[in-house]
């Protein structure tokens, strides 16, 4: 995801094409991959945003340092909960045609907020056919978005699957049916053989 976002000119730690800060040298390790990347899909417009959940704090700090929080709902992203700041980003920055790359947006979202995320995504897409989203997620809720093309990287080969075939969906479904089975398996003491 980082390499794809960088390929399209987004900040290495997140943001749009105007975000060029780096708080760690580890993001530069993707530069060789970015230079050799050949992307097989076309982005329809020039605007967009890269949400990288693990470095969103740095993006929020950068927005504060340049006084740009008016573009994010008029309130510092740091003055909101982690989930509220993600939703604020979606509501205020994901409003135009563009290419939006999101790496694990569920990291800050409760299950209820993930449902809100789906509604926001639906509202954005129904009003704008020139928006594209590329989302990496482990959330069975987000994977259930109607009509989403889901690509699995499991098994060493990229292949298209449906939501119910995804490992996150299968694991959560099995857990919900029998949580005590998983809890017992996780926390039971192994029997000692003498």
Protein backbone atom coordinates (compact mmCIF):
# COMPACT_ATOMS: atom_id res chain seq x y z
CA UNK A 1 0.00 0.00 0.00
CA UNK A 2 2.81 2.37 0.89
CA UNK A 3 4.50 1.80 -2.47
CA UNK A 4 1.27 2.29 -4.42
CA UNK A 5 0.51 5.49 -2.51
CA UNK A 6 4.05 6.77 -3.08
CA UNK A 7 3.82 5.81 -6.76
CA UNK A 8 0.89 8.20 -7.09
CA UNK A 9 2.76 10.96 -5.24
CA UNK A 10 1.12 10.82 -1.83
CA UNK A 11 3.19 11.47 1.29
CA UNK A 12 5.09 8.43 2.53
CA UNK A 13 3.42 8.65 5.93
CA UNK A 14 0.03 9.63 4.61
CA UNK A 15 -1.76 12.69 3.34
CA UNK A 16 -2.24 14.12 -0.13
CA UNK A 17 0.39 15.12 -2.68
CA UNK A 18 1.28 18.22 -0.64
CA UNK A 19 2.42 16.14 2.35
CA UNK A 20 6.14 15.56 2.05
CA UNK A 21 7.28 15.30 5.67
CA UNK A 22 9.00 12.23 7.06
CA UNK A 23 9.32 11.56 10.76
CA UNK A 24 11.23 8.32 10.34
CA UNK A 25 13.80 7.06 7.86
CA UNK A 26 12.06 3.68 7.60
CA UNK A 27 9.59 5.06 5.05
CA UNK A 28 12.46 5.58 2.60
CA UNK A 29 13.02 1.81 2.50
CA UNK A 30 10.13 1.54 0.03
CA UNK A 31 11.76 3.87 -2.53
CA UNK A 32 13.36 1.02 -4.57
CA UNK A 33 9.97 -0.72 -4.71
CA UNK A 34 8.26 2.50 -5.80
CA UNK A 35 10.77 2.96 -8.63
CA UNK A 36 10.22 -0.57 -9.92
CA UNK A 37 6.43 -0.68 -9.38
CA UNK A 38 4.24 -1.21 -12.42
CA UNK A 39 0.62 -0.57 -11.56
CA UNK A 40 -1.94 -2.31 -13.73
CA UNK A 41 -4.88 -0.03 -13.05
CA UNK A 42 -5.61 3.54 -14.05
CA UNK A 43 -6.49 6.34 -11.67
CA UNK A 44 -9.20 8.50 -13.17
CA UNK A 45 -8.39 11.81 -11.46
CA UNK A 46 -5.46 13.65 -9.99
CA UNK A 47 -6.64 14.36 -6.45
CA UNK A 48 -6.79 11.97 -3.52
CA UNK A 49 -5.40 11.01 -0.14
CA UNK A 50 -3.41 8.25 1.53
CA UNK A 51 -4.62 7.17 4.97
CA UNK A 52 -1.92 5.14 6.66
CA UNK A 53 -3.38 4.25 10.05
CA UNK A 54 -0.04 3.66 11.76
CA UNK A 55 1.23 7.17 11.03
CA UNK A 56 -2.01 9.16 11.10
CA UNK A 57 -0.82 10.87 14.30
CA UNK A 58 2.04 12.37 12.27
CA UNK A 59 -0.38 13.56 9.60
CA UNK A 60 -2.56 15.20 12.26
CA UNK A 61 0.52 16.90 13.75
CA UNK A 62 1.55 18.17 10.32
CA UNK A 63 -1.96 19.53 9.67
CA UNK A 64 -1.79 21.39 13.01
CA UNK A 65 1.71 22.75 12.28
CA UNK A 66 0.62 24.29 8.97
CA UNK A 67 -2.69 25.54 10.39
CA UNK A 68 -4.71 23.42 7.99
CA UNK A 69 -7.28 21.94 10.33
CA UNK A 70 -10.06 24.08 8.79
CA UNK A 71 -9.94 21.64 5.86
CA UNK A 72 -10.54 18.78 8.31
CA UNK A 73 -13.74 20.03 9.89
CA UNK A 74 -12.42 23.12 11.69
CA UNK A 75 -11.08 21.24 14.69
CA UNK A 76 -7.64 19.82 15.31
CA UNK A 77 -7.55 16.10 14.62
CA UNK A 78 -5.68 15.79 17.92
CA UNK A 79 -8.67 17.26 19.77
CA UNK A 80 -10.82 14.32 18.66
CA UNK A 81 -10.70 10.65 19.53
CA UNK A 82 -8.77 8.45 17.12
CA UNK A 83 -12.01 7.17 15.56
CA UNK A 84 -13.58 10.64 15.39
CA UNK A 85 -10.49 11.97 13.59
CA UNK A 86 -10.70 9.19 10.98
CA UNK A 87 -14.40 9.92 10.39
CA UNK A 88 -13.65 13.66 10.23
CA UNK A 89 -11.01 12.95 7.59
CA UNK A 90 -13.52 10.97 5.53
CA UNK A 91 -16.25 13.59 5.84
CA UNK A 92 -14.04 16.56 5.05
CA UNK A 93 -11.22 15.43 2.76
CA UNK A 94 -12.77 12.59 0.79
CA UNK A 95 -15.31 14.79 -0.92
CA UNK A 96 -14.10 15.10 -4.52
CA UNK A 97 -13.21 12.90 -7.42
CA UNK A 98 -9.94 11.18 -6.71
CA UNK A 99 -7.93 8.14 -5.76
CA UNK A 100 -8.03 7.27 -2.06
CA UNK A 101 -5.63 4.72 -0.61
CA UNK A 102 -6.46 3.47 2.87
CA UNK A 103 -4.27 1.13 4.87
CA UNK A 104 -6.26 -0.52 7.68
CA UNK A 105 -8.77 2.27 8.34
CA UNK A 106 -10.49 0.00 10.88
CA UNK A 107 -7.54 0.47 13.26
CA UNK A 108 -9.28 3.43 14.91
CA UNK A 109 -12.87 2.41 14.37
CA UNK A 110 -15.15 0.48 16.69
CA UNK A 111 -17.55 -1.96 15.00
CA UNK A 112 -20.27 0.71 15.13
CA UNK A 113 -17.93 3.28 13.55
CA UNK A 114 -16.99 0.75 10.87
CA UNK A 115 -20.67 0.60 9.95
CA UNK A 116 -20.71 4.42 9.83
CA UNK A 117 -17.64 4.23 7.59
CA UNK A 118 -19.55 1.96 5.19
CA UNK A 119 -22.43 4.45 5.03
CA UNK A 120 -20.03 7.35 4.38
CA UNK A 121 -18.26 5.36 1.69
CA UNK A 122 -21.58 4.47 0.07
CA UNK A 123 -22.73 8.11 0.13
CA UNK A 124 -19.45 9.28 -1.41
CA UNK A 125 -19.54 6.71 -4.20
CA UNK A 126 -23.20 7.11 -5.13
CA UNK A 127 -22.69 10.84 -5.68
CA UNK A 128 -19.38 10.60 -7.54
CA UNK A 129 -18.47 7.96 -10.11
CA UNK A 130 -14.94 9.35 -10.40
CA UNK A 131 -13.81 8.21 -6.98
CA UNK A 132 -11.66 5.14 -6.53
CA UNK A 133 -10.79 3.51 -3.22
CA UNK A 134 -8.01 1.03 -2.62
CA UNK A 135 -8.38 -0.32 0.92
CA UNK A 136 -6.26 -2.86 2.77
CA UNK A 137 -8.29 -4.26 5.65
CA UNK A 138 -8.68 -7.17 8.03
CA UNK A 139 -12.19 -6.07 9.00
CA UNK A 140 -15.01 -8.43 8.02
CA UNK A 141 -17.34 -5.44 8.31
CA UNK A 142 -15.42 -3.39 5.74
CA UNK A 143 -14.95 -6.44 3.53
CA UNK A 144 -18.76 -6.72 3.34
CA UNK A 145 -19.11 -3.48 1.35
CA UNK A 146 -21.59 -4.28 -1.46
CA UNK A 147 -19.92 -4.78 -4.82
CA UNK A 148 -16.37 -4.45 -3.54
CA UNK A 149 -13.70 -6.28 -5.48
CA UNK A 150 -11.77 -8.23 -2.83
CA UNK A 151 -8.31 -9.47 -3.67
CA UNK A 152 -6.71 -12.01 -1.36
CA UNK A 153 -2.95 -12.37 -1.09
CA UNK A 154 -3.23 -15.58 0.92
CA UNK A 155 -1.66 -18.73 -0.45
CA UNK A 156 1.07 -16.95 -2.41
CA UNK A 157 -1.16 -15.96 -5.30
CA UNK A 158 -3.37 -12.91 -5.71
CA UNK A 159 -6.93 -13.99 -6.40
CA UNK A 160 -10.40 -12.51 -6.18
CA UNK A 161 -12.69 -13.78 -3.42
CA UNK A 162 -15.99 -12.81 -1.86
CA UNK A 163 -16.38 -11.50 1.67
CA UNK A 164 -17.44 -14.85 3.12
CA UNK A 165 -14.31 -16.53 1.75
CA UNK A 166 -11.97 -14.08 3.48
CA UNK A 167 -9.99 -15.26 6.48
CA UNK A 168 -11.15 -12.35 8.68
CA UNK A 169 -14.81 -13.11 7.96
CA UNK A 170 -14.39 -16.84 8.58
CA UNK A 171 -12.46 -16.37 11.83
CA UNK A 172 -14.88 -13.83 13.30
CA UNK A 173 -17.88 -15.94 12.24
CA UNK A 174 -16.47 -19.02 13.96
CA UNK A 175 -15.55 -17.01 17.06
CA UNK A 176 -19.01 -15.46 17.39
CA UNK A 177 -20.65 -18.91 17.22
CA UNK A 178 -18.42 -20.44 19.91
CA UNK A 179 -16.26 -17.89 21.76
CA UNK A 180 -15.76 -20.25 24.69
CA UNK A 181 -14.05 -22.76 22.38
CA UNK A 182 -11.46 -20.15 21.34
CA UNK A 183 -10.99 -18.82 24.87
CA UNK A 184 -10.46 -22.35 26.18
CA UNK A 185 -7.95 -23.15 23.44
CA UNK A 186 -6.06 -19.90 23.99
CA UNK A 187 -5.84 -19.97 27.77
CA UNK A 188 -5.93 -23.58 28.86
CA UNK A 189 -2.77 -24.93 30.40
CA UNK A 190 -1.06 -27.56 28.27
CA UNK A 191 -1.18 -31.00 29.83
CA UNK A 192 2.20 -32.19 30.95
CA UNK A 193 3.23 -35.65 29.93
CA UNK A 194 5.56 -37.45 32.30
